[in-house]
Amino acid sequence: MIAEQDLQAAVAEGIIDQAQAVRIAHLARLRLEATASSAPRLRDSVTADDRLAVDPDDERFRLIGGFNDVFVAIGVCLLAGALLGLSRVVGFGDAFAGVALLCAWGLSEVFARRMRLALPSILLAAMFCAAAALLVAQLTADRGLPSILYGGWVVAALAFSGAALLHHWRFRVPIDMALVASGGIGVLLALISAIAPALAQDYLNLILLACGLSVFALALRLDMRDPRRLTRRSDAAFWLHLLSAGLIVHPVFRSMVGSTGDFGTTKSLIILCIFAVLGVIALVIDRRALLVSALSYAGIAVAYLISQSVSTNLSLPLALLGLAVLVLALSAGWRGLRRALLPVLPLGRWRERLPPIDAPPA
């Protein structure tokens, strides 16, 4: 079987990406299992590394394959800043978006399609979509657009989403689907703001929650098509879960706390109960984004409850200590908690489409 070190070296060199490395390792494990069930032959040997399996509980996604990713990412950021500065100095501010669009696409051909560098690919995808939206906004400015386009915000958001789709078609960067969803949400918010401004203002949290649940459903669908997380669907689902977590958690807790940020014992307990429910959901689907988004609210609620019994100076450090213990305990016992929780839940036929709870072979 191919050694894990060789696969990671190939990823670092840009020969393959992380998703391909995982699939190669999976195919090698299948071959190993098939040969293990037959009689041993001469020159066949199995090492500990050969039996190493990818654990879906690790929730792996590729962000940095090596320091070269960081190096190129710095270059991309410097390029964006240089283009913006030069376009303003020479008096061609409107040309910045077009130049940035072309540069992002050209660099994606090198670093996303050929070299498969994760972090630069993410930055270039975001740069391409933002440049497309800005270019369309500049071209449609002062054009007397219909009011339903909300001052051009609708077409700008459409351009953002369309650029993400185009980038996904060509380069297959996992974050592209989350960028498409972000642009779609922008279109929806702009349309609602144009058609019914009062509705958008009064029910903003509810609208964002509905958008978050829709993105969450899409991410869950991708996860269920790849429960062992061996394909690119898992990487795309990660970014969709990250987007949906903020859209779900923040509107829920913001509507509870209110604009004044007032807390009480009852609200604090309700927040902790919601946090516990989110924790159960996170364990079932084996994704941590919901918990991460809700940690700050849980910390504020815990700090308030502690402040009712001890001095105010101690409430924040004790709350941080409690959250630290919780996060570390969840990290250490994540697989055990899933193994205890999933069998007792009435999941029915959905159980087989969730990440497995069996531990990988040692």
Protein backbone atom coordinates (compact mmCIF):
# COMPACT_ATOMS: atom_id res chain seq x y z
CA MET A 1 0.00 0.00 0.00
CA ILE A 2 1.19 3.53 -0.72
CA ALA A 3 2.65 5.10 2.42
CA GLU A 4 0.79 8.03 3.94
CA GLN A 5 4.00 10.07 3.88
CA ASP A 6 4.30 9.61 0.12
CA LEU A 7 0.71 10.73 -0.45
CA GLN A 8 1.15 13.84 1.68
CA ALA A 9 4.42 14.63 -0.09
CA ALA A 10 2.60 14.40 -3.43
CA VAL A 11 -0.08 16.76 -2.10
CA ALA A 12 2.55 19.23 -0.88
CA GLU A 13 4.21 19.19 -4.31
CA GLY A 14 0.89 19.86 -6.04
CA ILE A 15 0.92 16.55 -7.92
CA ILE A 16 -2.45 15.59 -6.43
CA ASP A 17 -4.85 17.31 -4.05
CA GLN A 18 -5.96 16.12 -0.63
CA ALA A 19 -9.24 14.65 -1.89
CA GLN A 20 -7.40 12.60 -4.48
CA ALA A 21 -4.92 11.42 -1.84
CA VAL A 22 -7.79 10.24 0.35
CA ARG A 23 -9.38 8.36 -2.56
CA ILE A 24 -6.07 6.71 -3.50
CA ALA A 25 -5.58 5.59 0.11
CA HIS A 26 -9.13 4.24 0.17
CA LEU A 27 -8.59 2.21 -3.01
CA ALA A 28 -5.36 0.86 -1.61
CA ARG A 29 -7.13 -0.18 1.60
CA LEU A 30 -9.84 -1.96 -0.39
CA ARG A 31 -7.16 -3.89 -2.28
CA LEU A 32 -5.43 -4.69 0.99
CA GLU A 33 -8.66 -5.99 2.53
CA ALA A 34 -9.29 -8.14 -0.54
CA THR A 35 -5.81 -9.67 -0.41
CA ALA A 36 -6.02 -10.13 3.35
CA SER A 37 -9.06 -12.37 2.92
CA SER A 38 -7.11 -14.70 0.60
CA ALA A 39 -4.14 -16.93 1.29
CA PRO A 40 -0.88 -15.04 1.80
CA ARG A 41 1.61 -15.05 -1.03
CA LEU A 42 5.33 -14.61 -1.17
CA ARG A 43 6.62 -11.02 -0.90
CA ASP A 44 3.26 -9.86 0.56
CA SER A 45 3.74 -7.79 3.71
CA VAL A 46 1.46 -5.56 5.73
CA THR A 47 2.73 -2.73 7.88
CA ALA A 48 1.00 -0.59 10.50
CA ASP A 49 0.79 2.29 8.04
CA ASP A 50 -0.97 0.03 5.54
CA ARG A 51 -3.82 -0.46 7.96
CA LEU A 52 -4.18 3.25 8.72
CA ALA A 53 -7.67 4.43 7.79
CA VAL A 54 -9.07 7.88 7.32
CA ASP A 55 -11.40 8.72 10.19
CA PRO A 56 -14.47 10.76 9.13
CA ASP A 57 -14.63 12.12 12.70
CA ASP A 58 -11.46 14.08 12.00
CA GLU A 59 -13.51 16.29 9.63
CA ARG A 60 -10.49 16.79 7.41
CA PHE A 61 -10.35 19.47 4.80
CA ARG A 62 -7.38 20.81 2.95
CA LEU A 63 -6.39 24.41 3.69
CA ILE A 64 -2.59 24.39 3.75
CA GLY A 65 -0.61 21.59 2.12
CA GLY A 66 2.72 23.26 2.84
CA PHE A 67 4.29 26.64 3.46
CA ASN A 68 4.26 27.24 -0.28
CA ASP A 69 0.49 27.67 0.05
CA VAL A 70 1.05 30.49 2.53
CA PHE A 71 3.77 32.00 0.35
CA VAL A 72 1.56 32.07 -2.74
CA ALA A 73 -1.41 33.34 -0.69
CA ILE A 74 0.69 36.28 0.48
CA GLY A 75 1.54 36.98 -3.14
CA VAL A 76 -2.14 36.94 -4.11
CA CYS A 77 -3.00 39.41 -1.33
CA LEU A 78 -0.10 41.68 -2.35
CA LEU A 79 -1.26 41.54 -5.96
CA ALA A 80 -4.81 42.54 -5.03
CA GLY A 81 -3.51 45.44 -2.95
CA ALA A 82 -1.12 46.55 -5.70
CA LEU A 83 -3.84 46.49 -8.36
CA LEU A 84 -6.17 48.51 -6.16
CA GLY A 85 -3.50 51.07 -5.34
CA LEU A 86 -2.27 51.45 -8.93
CA SER A 87 -5.78 51.78 -10.34
CA ARG A 88 -6.49 54.65 -7.95
CA VAL A 89 -3.16 56.40 -8.47
CA VAL A 90 -3.33 56.38 -12.27
CA GLY A 91 -6.98 57.40 -12.25
CA PHE A 92 -8.51 54.17 -13.54
CA GLY A 93 -10.43 53.12 -10.45
CA ASP A 94 -13.14 51.49 -12.52
CA ALA A 95 -10.58 49.29 -14.28
CA PHE A 96 -9.52 47.65 -11.02
CA ALA A 97 -12.37 45.16 -11.03
CA GLY A 98 -11.74 44.09 -14.61
CA VAL A 99 -8.00 43.67 -14.09
CA ALA A 100 -8.56 41.79 -10.83
CA LEU A 101 -11.06 39.52 -12.59
CA LEU A 102 -8.58 38.60 -15.32
CA CYS A 103 -5.70 38.16 -12.89
CA ALA A 104 -7.75 35.92 -10.59
CA TRP A 105 -8.76 33.69 -13.51
CA GLY A 106 -5.24 33.51 -14.93
CA LEU A 107 -3.65 32.72 -11.57
CA SER A 108 -6.33 30.12 -10.89
CA GLU A 109 -5.23 28.33 -14.05
CA VAL A 110 -1.77 27.97 -12.50
CA PHE A 111 -2.36 27.57 -8.76
CA ALA A 112 -5.83 26.02 -8.65
CA ARG A 113 -6.00 23.88 -11.80
CA ARG A 114 -2.36 22.86 -12.30
CA MET A 115 -0.64 23.08 -8.90
CA ARG A 116 -3.74 22.41 -6.75
CA LEU A 117 -2.68 24.75 -3.93
CA ALA A 118 -5.57 24.94 -1.49
CA LEU A 119 -5.24 28.31 0.26
CA PRO A 120 -4.34 30.30 -2.88
CA SER A 121 -7.21 28.60 -4.71
CA ILE A 122 -9.63 29.74 -2.02
CA LEU A 123 -8.35 33.32 -2.09
CA LEU A 124 -8.41 33.44 -5.89
CA ALA A 125 -11.98 32.08 -5.98
CA ALA A 126 -13.12 34.78 -3.57
CA MET A 127 -11.17 37.42 -5.52
CA PHE A 128 -12.72 36.33 -8.82
CA CYS A 129 -16.28 36.45 -7.46
CA ALA A 130 -15.79 39.79 -5.68
CA ALA A 131 -14.21 41.32 -8.79
CA ALA A 132 -17.10 40.11 -10.95
CA ALA A 133 -19.66 41.62 -8.59
CA LEU A 134 -17.75 44.92 -8.40
CA LEU A 135 -17.35 45.09 -12.18
CA VAL A 136 -21.07 44.58 -12.74
CA ALA A 137 -21.89 47.14 -10.05
CA GLN A 138 -19.63 49.68 -11.75
CA LEU A 139 -21.09 49.00 -15.19
CA THR A 140 -24.67 49.36 -13.95
CA ALA A 141 -24.08 52.41 -11.75
CA ASP A 142 -26.14 55.50 -12.68
CA ARG A 143 -28.01 53.55 -15.36
CA GLY A 144 -31.49 54.20 -14.03
CA LEU A 145 -32.11 50.58 -13.14
CA PRO A 146 -35.62 49.46 -12.09
CA SER A 147 -36.30 49.77 -8.38
CA ILE A 148 -36.71 46.00 -8.07
CA LEU A 149 -32.96 45.68 -8.69
CA TYR A 150 -32.38 47.65 -5.46
CA GLY A 151 -29.81 50.03 -6.87
CA GLY A 152 -27.93 47.31 -8.72
CA TRP A 153 -27.43 45.07 -5.68
CA VAL A 154 -29.48 42.30 -7.28
CA VAL A 155 -27.39 42.15 -10.46
CA ALA A 156 -24.16 42.46 -8.45
CA ALA A 157 -25.14 39.52 -6.26
CA LEU A 158 -26.16 37.57 -9.36
CA ALA A 159 -22.75 38.29 -10.88
CA PHE A 160 -21.07 37.08 -7.68
CA SER A 161 -23.03 33.82 -7.74
CA GLY A 162 -22.57 33.35 -11.49
CA ALA A 163 -18.83 33.92 -11.22
CA ALA A 164 -18.65 31.28 -8.48
CA LEU A 165 -20.49 28.82 -10.72
CA LEU A 166 -18.13 29.55 -13.60
CA HIS A 167 -15.11 29.15 -11.31
CA HIS A 168 -16.49 25.85 -10.01
CA TRP A 169 -17.06 24.57 -13.54
CA ARG A 170 -13.44 25.22 -14.45
CA PHE A 171 -11.43 24.72 -11.26
CA ARG A 172 -13.60 22.67 -8.86
CA VAL A 173 -12.42 24.56 -5.75
CA PRO A 174 -14.46 23.29 -2.75
CA ILE A 175 -15.36 26.78 -1.51
CA ASP A 176 -17.05 27.65 -4.82
CA MET A 177 -20.40 26.14 -3.81
CA ALA A 178 -20.45 28.21 -0.61
CA LEU A 179 -19.72 31.30 -2.71
CA VAL A 180 -22.61 30.41 -5.03
CA ALA A 181 -24.90 30.10 -2.01
CA SER A 182 -23.66 33.43 -0.61
CA GLY A 183 -24.45 35.18 -3.86
CA GLY A 184 -27.90 33.58 -3.97
CA ILE A 185 -28.63 34.78 -0.44
CA GLY A 186 -27.50 38.26 -1.47
CA VAL A 187 -29.93 38.21 -4.41
CA LEU A 188 -32.79 37.15 -2.14
CA LEU A 189 -32.06 39.82 0.48
CA ALA A 190 -31.77 42.53 -2.18
CA LEU A 191 -35.05 41.51 -3.81
CA ILE A 192 -36.91 41.45 -0.49
CA SER A 193 -35.41 44.82 0.45
CA ALA A 194 -36.57 46.26 -2.88
CA ILE A 195 -40.07 44.79 -2.82
CA ALA A 196 -40.89 45.01 0.89
CA PRO A 197 -38.34 47.10 2.84
CA ALA A 198 -40.34 46.92 6.07
CA LEU A 199 -40.53 43.13 5.82
CA ALA A 200 -36.77 42.88 5.30
CA GLN A 201 -36.12 45.04 8.33
CA ASP A 202 -38.63 43.46 10.70
CA TYR A 203 -37.98 39.82 9.75
CA LEU A 204 -34.29 39.91 8.85
CA ASN A 205 -33.36 37.29 11.45
CA LEU A 206 -36.11 34.95 10.24
CA ILE A 207 -35.05 35.38 6.60
CA LEU A 208 -31.42 34.67 7.44
CA LEU A 209 -32.47 31.64 9.46
CA ALA A 210 -34.46 30.27 6.52
CA CYS A 211 -31.45 30.81 4.24
CA GLY A 212 -29.20 29.10 6.75
CA LEU A 213 -31.46 26.08 6.99
CA SER A 214 -31.56 25.82 3.19
CA VAL A 215 -27.76 25.90 2.96
CA PHE A 216 -27.57 23.41 5.82
CA ALA A 217 -29.89 21.05 3.95
CA LEU A 218 -27.69 21.29 0.85
CA ALA A 219 -24.56 20.60 2.89
CA LEU A 220 -26.23 17.65 4.59
CA ARG A 221 -27.27 16.25 1.21
CA LEU A 222 -23.66 16.35 0.02
CA ASP A 223 -22.49 14.73 3.24
CA MET A 224 -25.03 11.92 2.93
CA ARG A 225 -23.82 11.15 -0.58
CA ASP A 226 -20.33 10.69 0.82
CA PRO A 227 -20.66 9.45 4.42
CA ARG A 228 -17.02 8.33 4.63
CA ARG A 229 -15.85 11.68 3.24
CA LEU A 230 -13.63 10.40 0.49
CA THR A 231 -14.61 12.76 -2.34
CA ARG A 232 -14.73 16.46 -3.10
CA ARG A 233 -18.35 16.55 -1.94
CA SER A 234 -17.14 16.42 1.64
CA ASP A 235 -14.84 19.42 1.14
CA ALA A 236 -17.63 21.43 -0.48
CA ALA A 237 -20.00 20.41 2.33
CA PHE A 238 -17.52 21.69 4.91
CA TRP A 239 -17.68 25.24 3.55
CA LEU A 240 -21.47 25.06 3.20
CA HIS A 241 -21.73 23.95 6.85
CA LEU A 242 -19.48 26.85 7.83
CA LEU A 243 -21.76 29.31 5.99
CA SER A 244 -24.99 27.80 7.27
CA ALA A 245 -23.78 27.71 10.88
CA GLY A 246 -23.46 31.48 11.05
CA LEU A 247 -26.80 32.00 9.29
CA ILE A 248 -28.56 29.65 11.71
CA VAL A 249 -26.90 30.40 15.04
CA HIS A 250 -26.55 34.18 15.01
CA PRO A 251 -30.15 35.05 14.02
CA VAL A 252 -31.53 32.63 16.65
CA PHE A 253 -29.46 33.99 19.50
CA ARG A 254 -29.68 37.60 18.34
CA SER A 255 -33.47 37.44 18.35
CA MET A 256 -33.36 36.05 21.88
CA VAL A 257 -30.87 38.53 23.30
CA GLY A 258 -32.22 41.56 21.46
CA SER A 259 -30.43 44.69 20.34
CA THR A 260 -29.68 45.78 23.91
CA GLY A 261 -27.86 42.56 24.72
CA ASP A 262 -29.77 42.10 27.98
CA PHE A 263 -29.33 38.78 29.74
CA GLY A 264 -31.26 37.10 32.47
CA THR A 265 -31.19 33.76 34.19
CA THR A 266 -34.02 32.39 32.07
CA LYS A 267 -32.50 33.56 28.79
CA SER A 268 -29.11 32.20 29.79
CA LEU A 269 -30.56 28.79 30.55
CA ILE A 270 -32.50 28.75 27.28
CA ILE A 271 -29.32 29.66 25.38
CA LEU A 272 -27.47 26.79 27.04
CA CYS A 273 -30.32 24.40 26.19
CA ILE A 274 -30.19 25.49 22.54
CA PHE A 275 -26.42 25.05 22.64
CA ALA A 276 -26.92 21.49 23.91
CA VAL A 277 -29.39 20.77 21.09
CA LEU A 278 -26.91 22.13 18.56
CA GLY A 279 -24.29 19.89 20.14
CA VAL A 280 -26.47 16.82 19.61
CA ILE A 281 -27.06 17.81 15.98
CA ALA A 282 -23.33 18.36 15.50
CA LEU A 283 -22.57 14.91 16.91
CA VAL A 284 -25.18 13.22 14.73
CA ILE A 285 -24.00 14.79 11.46
CA ASP A 286 -20.35 14.77 12.61
CA ARG A 287 -19.77 18.45 11.87
CA ARG A 288 -18.51 20.98 14.42
CA ALA A 289 -19.43 24.27 12.69
CA LEU A 290 -22.68 24.76 14.63
CA LEU A 291 -20.89 24.37 17.95
CA VAL A 292 -18.12 26.77 16.98
CA SER A 293 -20.62 29.45 15.94
CA ALA A 294 -22.57 29.09 19.18
CA LEU A 295 -19.58 29.03 21.54
CA SER A 296 -19.49 32.79 22.09
CA TYR A 297 -23.17 32.92 23.08
CA ALA A 298 -22.77 29.94 25.38
CA GLY A 299 -19.77 31.64 26.96
CA ILE A 300 -21.73 34.84 27.60
CA ALA A 301 -24.59 32.86 29.13
CA VAL A 302 -22.24 30.88 31.37
CA ALA A 303 -20.43 34.07 32.41
CA TYR A 304 -23.74 35.66 33.38
CA LEU A 305 -24.82 32.67 35.45
CA ILE A 306 -21.46 32.54 37.20
CA SER A 307 -21.58 36.28 37.92
CA GLN A 308 -24.73 35.70 39.99
CA SER A 309 -22.72 33.63 42.46
CA VAL A 310 -19.18 35.02 42.37
CA SER A 311 -17.59 38.40 41.78
CA THR A 312 -17.78 39.94 38.33
CA ASN A 313 -14.00 39.81 37.96
CA LEU A 314 -14.06 36.01 38.23
CA SER A 315 -17.06 35.34 35.99
CA LEU A 316 -15.29 35.78 32.65
CA PRO A 317 -12.17 33.69 33.48
CA LEU A 318 -14.33 30.92 34.97
CA ALA A 319 -16.61 30.96 31.92
CA LEU A 320 -13.60 30.70 29.61
CA LEU A 321 -12.25 27.86 31.73
CA GLY A 322 -15.58 26.03 31.51
CA LEU A 323 -15.72 26.45 27.72
CA ALA A 324 -12.12 25.30 27.38
CA VAL A 325 -12.88 22.14 29.38
CA LEU A 326 -16.00 21.53 27.29
CA VAL A 327 -14.22 21.96 23.95
CA LEU A 328 -11.28 19.77 24.97
CA ALA A 329 -13.58 17.10 26.39
CA LEU A 330 -15.63 17.06 23.20
CA SER A 331 -12.46 16.83 21.12
CA ALA A 332 -11.16 13.89 23.15
CA GLY A 333 -14.47 12.04 23.43
CA TRP A 334 -16.14 12.92 20.13
CA ARG A 335 -16.11 9.40 18.72
CA GLY A 336 -17.22 7.86 22.01
CA LEU A 337 -20.11 10.30 22.32
CA ARG A 338 -21.25 9.52 18.78
CA ARG A 339 -21.00 5.80 19.47
CA ALA A 340 -23.20 6.22 22.56
CA LEU A 341 -25.66 8.67 21.05
CA LEU A 342 -26.47 7.41 17.56
CA PRO A 343 -27.82 3.95 18.51
CA VAL A 344 -30.42 5.45 20.87
CA LEU A 345 -31.76 8.04 18.42
CA PRO A 346 -34.68 7.15 16.10
CA LEU A 347 -32.77 7.89 12.91
CA GLY A 348 -34.29 5.09 10.85
CA ARG A 349 -32.98 4.78 7.30
CA TRP A 350 -30.94 7.96 7.71
CA ARG A 351 -28.50 6.13 9.97
CA GLU A 352 -26.75 4.45 7.05
CA ARG A 353 -26.21 7.79 5.33
CA LEU A 354 -24.40 9.34 8.30
CA PRO A 355 -20.66 9.08 8.91
CA PRO A 356 -19.92 5.68 10.45
CA ILE A 357 -19.37 5.43 14.20
CA ASP A 358 -16.97 2.51 13.99
CA ALA A 359 -13.39 3.45 14.73
CA PRO A 360 -10.82 2.98 11.98
CA PRO A 361 -8.48 0.05 12.36
CA ALA A 362 -5.42 0.79 14.45
